[in-house]
Amino acid sequence: MVLCLLGFSVLSAQEKHESQKNREKIPVSGYVRDNSGNPIQGVSIFLDGKKSSITTNSKGYYRIKVKPDVETISAFSLFIGIHEINFTGQERIDFALGNNQGKELKKENVDEMGTPVSSVNMDKANKTRYSNIYQMIKGEVPGVTVSGTTVTIRSSTSLTQSTEPLFVLDGVMVDNIGDIPPEIVKSIEVLKGPATAIYGSRGANGVILIKTK
């Protein structure tokens, strides 16, 4: 009898543990915007400082399922910054990046995102030498090949599809950079490999981050 009761007690404890462990996740959704209220695409969502697989879409919208024991949810952009909010079970959380709100991510978590392959401060460049941004990239940025208006990050090659990188202008993904005057460019960073993870499949050929004044 004692052994039976002991066995039942152990089984009950295990079932309780499994029940708590597998508690239903909470669906959380919302939008990530900049200081002007514009949606930001490609922003990564972090749970308790750890990167999830979720990023915002073209409307700045995200949706993620969160365990009840999660304490913080953060929106992180490598180019704009981070906004962290305490999680208490709310199903709607909106983020605003660019206000230096919330805590900073720990260095090891940011390192998971990768670091730039090359970073060039254009304030030191002689911008009058270039008539367009493509010439500037070709003349100033290492690790890329430029032919006319086609930019390729070296080692990013494909025989079946486009090899053009993703361009991100002041934190916003763009399809064309041809109308950016060289004189307003502040810096250019080139990302490839693990450093492009936050941009999903769109960053498969690398990412070029352009910051203007």
Protein backbone atom coordinates (compact mmCIF):
# COMPACT_ATOMS: atom_id res chain seq x y z
CA MET A 1 0.00 0.00 0.00
CA VAL A 2 2.80 2.40 0.94
CA LEU A 3 4.63 1.62 -2.29
CA CYS A 4 1.45 2.19 -4.30
CA LEU A 5 0.83 5.55 -2.63
CA LEU A 6 4.47 6.54 -3.16
CA GLY A 7 4.28 5.59 -6.81
CA PHE A 8 1.05 7.53 -7.25
CA SER A 9 2.59 10.58 -5.56
CA VAL A 10 5.64 10.48 -7.84
CA LEU A 11 3.42 10.05 -10.90
CA SER A 12 1.23 12.98 -9.86
CA ALA A 13 4.27 15.17 -9.37
CA GLN A 14 5.58 14.25 -12.80
CA GLU A 15 2.21 14.91 -14.43
CA LYS A 16 2.00 18.29 -12.67
CA HIS A 17 5.49 19.15 -13.86
CA GLU A 18 4.68 18.19 -17.43
CA SER A 19 1.43 20.14 -17.24
CA GLN A 20 3.23 23.27 -16.11
CA LYS A 21 5.97 22.74 -18.68
CA ASN A 22 3.50 22.41 -21.53
CA ARG A 23 1.14 25.20 -20.55
CA GLU A 24 -0.49 26.79 -23.55
CA LYS A 25 1.56 29.56 -25.10
CA ILE A 26 0.11 33.03 -25.34
CA PRO A 27 -0.30 34.57 -28.82
CA VAL A 28 1.27 38.03 -28.89
CA SER A 29 1.16 40.42 -31.82
CA GLY A 30 1.71 44.07 -32.62
CA TYR A 31 3.60 46.59 -34.72
CA VAL A 32 7.12 48.01 -34.72
CA ARG A 33 7.43 51.63 -35.85
CA ASP A 34 10.04 54.36 -35.87
CA ASN A 35 9.85 57.80 -34.24
CA SER A 36 7.69 59.10 -37.09
CA GLY A 37 5.22 56.24 -36.86
CA ASN A 38 6.47 54.48 -39.98
CA PRO A 39 6.48 50.66 -39.95
CA ILE A 40 9.86 48.93 -39.84
CA GLN A 41 10.36 45.67 -41.70
CA GLY A 42 12.84 42.95 -40.74
CA VAL A 43 12.96 43.72 -37.01
CA SER A 44 13.82 40.69 -34.86
CA ILE A 45 11.75 39.74 -31.82
CA PHE A 46 13.66 38.63 -28.72
CA LEU A 47 12.26 36.73 -25.73
CA ASP A 48 14.15 37.26 -22.47
CA GLY A 49 17.13 38.48 -24.47
CA LYS A 50 17.20 35.48 -26.81
CA LYS A 51 16.52 35.82 -30.52
CA SER A 52 13.38 34.11 -31.86
CA SER A 53 12.73 33.17 -35.49
CA ILE A 54 10.11 35.93 -35.83
CA THR A 55 10.69 39.18 -37.74
CA THR A 56 8.31 41.96 -38.72
CA ASN A 57 6.75 42.03 -42.19
CA SER A 58 6.53 44.94 -44.64
CA LYS A 59 3.86 46.59 -42.46
CA GLY A 60 5.97 46.30 -39.33
CA TYR A 61 3.64 43.59 -38.01
CA TYR A 62 4.71 40.52 -36.05
CA ARG A 63 2.97 37.61 -34.36
CA ILE A 64 4.58 35.18 -31.93
CA LYS A 65 3.55 32.57 -29.37
CA VAL A 66 5.07 33.16 -25.94
CA LYS A 67 5.45 30.90 -22.92
CA PRO A 68 3.73 32.27 -19.79
CA ASP A 69 7.03 32.38 -17.89
CA VAL A 70 8.69 34.79 -20.34
CA GLU A 71 9.53 38.07 -18.59
CA THR A 72 10.52 40.44 -21.41
CA ILE A 73 9.84 40.85 -25.12
CA SER A 74 12.11 43.03 -27.24
CA ALA A 75 12.16 44.37 -30.78
CA PHE A 76 15.70 44.73 -32.11
CA SER A 77 17.08 46.33 -35.26
CA LEU A 78 20.81 46.20 -35.85
CA PHE A 79 20.64 49.62 -37.47
CA ILE A 80 18.07 51.45 -35.32
CA GLY A 81 18.21 49.95 -31.83
CA ILE A 82 16.09 48.08 -29.32
CA HIS A 83 12.89 48.55 -27.33
CA GLU A 84 12.24 46.11 -24.47
CA ILE A 85 8.89 45.69 -22.70
CA ASN A 86 8.03 43.66 -19.60
CA PHE A 87 5.69 40.78 -20.45
CA THR A 88 2.80 40.16 -18.05
CA GLY A 89 0.54 38.17 -20.34
CA GLN A 90 -0.66 40.97 -22.63
CA GLU A 91 -1.58 39.83 -26.16
CA ARG A 92 -0.90 43.17 -27.88
CA ILE A 93 2.53 44.81 -27.69
CA ASP A 94 3.66 47.64 -29.97
CA PHE A 95 7.25 48.85 -30.15
CA ALA A 96 8.83 52.19 -31.05
CA LEU A 97 12.48 52.12 -32.11
CA GLY A 98 14.82 55.07 -32.08
CA ASN A 99 13.99 56.40 -28.63
CA ASN A 100 16.67 54.41 -26.78
CA GLN A 101 13.90 52.84 -24.72
CA GLY A 102 14.33 49.79 -22.53
CA LYS A 103 17.48 47.87 -21.68
CA GLU A 104 20.28 47.04 -24.06
CA LEU A 105 20.75 43.48 -25.25
CA LYS A 106 23.64 41.61 -23.70
CA LYS A 107 26.71 41.60 -25.92
CA GLU A 108 26.61 37.83 -26.48
CA ASN A 109 23.06 38.07 -27.81
CA VAL A 110 23.92 40.89 -30.19
CA ASP A 111 26.96 38.93 -31.35
CA GLU A 112 24.60 36.15 -32.47
CA MET A 113 23.40 38.60 -35.09
CA GLY A 114 26.88 38.87 -36.51
CA THR A 115 29.06 41.88 -37.21
CA PRO A 116 29.65 43.89 -40.39
CA VAL A 117 32.03 42.46 -42.98
CA SER A 118 33.13 46.03 -43.62
CA SER A 119 32.12 49.43 -42.31
CA VAL A 120 33.09 52.72 -43.90
CA ASN A 121 32.62 56.21 -42.44
CA MET A 122 31.83 58.29 -45.50
CA ASP A 123 32.45 61.58 -43.69
CA LYS A 124 36.13 60.98 -44.42
CA ALA A 125 35.61 60.25 -48.11
CA ASN A 126 36.08 62.75 -50.93
CA LYS A 127 32.49 62.60 -52.12
CA THR A 128 32.99 65.13 -54.89
CA ARG A 129 34.86 62.42 -56.82
CA TYR A 130 31.63 60.47 -57.38
CA SER A 131 28.64 61.33 -59.55
CA ASN A 132 26.43 58.60 -58.05
CA ILE A 133 26.29 56.22 -55.10
CA TYR A 134 27.34 53.20 -57.17
CA GLN A 135 30.65 54.86 -57.98
CA MET A 136 31.05 55.69 -54.29
CA ILE A 137 30.46 52.09 -53.21
CA LYS A 138 32.90 50.84 -55.84
CA GLY A 139 35.58 53.32 -54.83
CA GLU A 140 35.18 53.29 -51.06
CA VAL A 141 33.64 50.03 -49.83
CA PRO A 142 35.78 46.86 -49.67
CA GLY A 143 34.29 43.41 -50.16
CA VAL A 144 31.89 44.31 -52.98
CA THR A 145 31.92 44.22 -56.77
CA VAL A 146 30.13 46.98 -58.69
CA SER A 147 29.32 46.86 -62.40
CA GLY A 148 27.22 49.82 -63.50
CA THR A 149 24.22 49.74 -61.18
CA THR A 150 24.72 46.10 -60.17
CA VAL A 151 26.25 45.50 -56.75
CA THR A 152 27.43 42.07 -55.57
CA ILE A 153 28.96 41.19 -52.23
CA ARG A 154 32.00 39.04 -52.95
CA SER A 155 31.52 35.29 -52.35
CA SER A 156 27.74 35.69 -52.84
CA THR A 157 27.31 33.93 -56.20
CA SER A 158 24.44 32.10 -57.84
CA LEU A 159 23.89 30.66 -61.33
CA THR A 160 20.10 30.46 -61.03
CA GLN A 161 18.95 33.62 -59.28
CA SER A 162 19.80 37.23 -58.52
CA THR A 163 22.94 37.87 -56.49
CA GLU A 164 22.06 41.47 -55.62
CA PRO A 165 22.17 42.17 -51.89
CA LEU A 166 19.40 43.67 -49.82
CA PHE A 167 19.70 47.44 -49.40
CA VAL A 168 18.64 49.03 -46.11
CA LEU A 169 18.45 52.82 -46.10
CA ASP A 170 18.28 54.42 -42.65
CA GLY A 171 16.72 51.24 -41.26
CA VAL A 172 14.20 50.75 -44.07
CA MET A 173 14.52 48.08 -46.78
CA VAL A 174 14.56 49.63 -50.27
CA ASP A 175 14.65 48.25 -53.81
CA ASN A 176 16.60 51.09 -55.39
CA ILE A 177 19.46 53.29 -54.19
CA GLY A 178 20.22 55.09 -57.44
CA ASP A 179 18.63 58.36 -56.33
CA ILE A 180 20.75 58.72 -53.16
CA PRO A 181 23.21 61.63 -53.59
CA PRO A 182 26.73 60.65 -52.45
CA GLU A 183 27.08 63.88 -50.47
CA ILE A 184 24.38 62.90 -47.94
CA VAL A 185 25.78 59.43 -47.19
CA LYS A 186 27.20 59.18 -43.67
CA SER A 187 28.24 55.52 -43.57
CA ILE A 188 27.96 52.22 -45.42
CA GLU A 189 28.17 48.77 -43.82
CA VAL A 190 28.31 45.42 -45.59
CA LEU A 191 26.90 42.30 -43.93
CA LYS A 192 26.99 38.68 -45.04
CA GLY A 193 26.63 35.20 -43.57
CA PRO A 194 25.23 34.98 -40.01
CA ALA A 195 25.24 38.78 -39.78
CA THR A 196 22.22 38.89 -42.13
CA ALA A 197 20.05 36.53 -40.03
CA ILE A 198 17.66 39.24 -38.87
CA TYR A 199 16.70 39.98 -42.47
CA GLY A 200 15.58 36.42 -43.25
CA SER A 201 15.69 35.09 -46.80
CA ARG A 202 15.87 38.61 -48.25
CA GLY A 203 19.38 38.91 -46.86
CA ALA A 204 20.62 35.68 -48.45
CA ASN A 205 22.93 37.57 -50.82
CA GLY A 206 24.17 39.87 -48.11
CA VAL A 207 22.97 43.24 -46.84
CA ILE A 208 24.27 46.76 -47.45
CA LEU A 209 23.29 49.25 -44.75
CA ILE A 210 23.35 52.88 -45.84
CA LYS A 211 23.01 55.68 -43.30
CA THR A 212 22.44 59.25 -44.40
CA LYS A 213 22.84 62.57 -42.60
